[in-house]
Protein backbone atom coordinates (compact mmCIF):
# COMPACT_ATOMS: atom_id res chain seq x y z
CA MET A 1 -16.50 20.68 23.79
CA VAL A 2 -14.47 18.67 20.93
CA LEU A 3 -15.47 14.92 21.11
CA SER A 4 -14.15 11.58 19.54
CA VAL A 5 -15.60 9.26 18.71
CA SER A 6 -14.21 5.45 16.99
CA ALA A 7 -15.47 4.62 13.74
CA LEU A 8 -16.26 1.42 14.88
CA VAL A 9 -19.52 2.89 17.86
CA LEU A 10 -19.85 5.45 13.93
CA PHE A 11 -20.18 2.81 11.92
CA GLY A 12 -22.25 0.78 13.86
CA ALA A 13 -24.17 3.85 14.60
CA LEU A 14 -25.59 3.91 11.48
CA VAL A 15 -25.87 0.29 9.90
CA PHE A 16 -28.39 -0.20 13.25
CA ILE A 17 -30.00 3.46 11.70
CA PHE A 18 -30.43 1.77 8.28
CA ILE A 19 -31.67 -1.60 9.57
CA ARG A 20 -34.28 -0.01 11.64
CA ASN A 21 -35.38 2.29 8.93
CA LYS A 22 -35.34 -0.57 6.80
CA GLN A 23 -33.11 -0.01 4.27
CA LEU A 24 -30.25 -2.32 4.55
CA LYS A 25 -31.61 -5.89 5.65
CA THR A 26 -30.08 -8.00 8.91
CA SER A 27 -27.91 -10.42 6.52
CA HIS A 28 -26.46 -7.58 4.29
CA ALA A 29 -25.23 -6.12 8.23
CA ILE A 30 -24.17 -9.42 9.56
CA ILE A 31 -22.41 -9.96 6.12
CA SER A 32 -20.32 -5.90 6.18
CA ALA A 33 -19.75 -7.07 9.84
CA LEU A 34 -17.76 -10.19 8.79
CA PHE A 35 -16.25 -8.39 6.40
CA GLY A 36 -15.03 -6.25 8.56
CA PHE A 37 -13.87 -8.73 10.76
CA MET A 38 -12.29 -11.15 7.95
CA LEU A 39 -10.13 -7.45 6.71
CA SER A 40 -8.86 -6.77 10.13
CA ALA A 41 -7.05 -9.77 10.30
CA SER A 42 -5.54 -9.01 6.84
CA THR A 43 -2.60 -7.54 5.27
CA ALA A 44 -5.18 -4.04 4.68
CA ALA A 45 -5.94 -3.65 8.18
CA GLU A 46 -2.63 -1.63 8.73
CA PRO A 47 -3.04 0.07 5.71
CA ILE A 48 -6.35 1.21 6.17
CA LYS A 49 -5.94 2.15 10.00
CA ASN A 50 -3.54 4.48 8.97
CA PHE A 51 -5.79 6.16 6.05
CA LEU A 52 -8.19 6.63 8.72
CA THR A 53 -6.24 8.18 10.73
CA SER A 54 -4.97 10.49 8.24
CA VAL A 55 -8.12 11.64 7.54
CA ALA A 56 -9.71 12.39 11.61
CA ASN A 57 -5.90 13.93 11.91
CA SER A 58 -6.91 16.20 8.99
CA LEU A 59 -10.96 16.96 9.54
CA LYS A 60 -9.14 17.68 13.61
CA SER A 61 -6.75 20.31 12.50
CA PHE A 62 -9.73 21.89 10.15
CA SER A 63 -12.39 22.41 13.43
CA GLY A 64 -9.78 23.52 15.26
């Protein structure tokens, strides 16, 4: 069975786990989220998306 999870959901879950375990303060999570929103509107968004897509495709080729 193949399970597809978006990177946003994965990173959101990691942030939730870190906050719950008190390893990441809420203020740090808010700043990280705001940075992500600003980054997505920048010119660096397309190369980052392409990189993450290529990594995902590489991992998919290894698993199946």
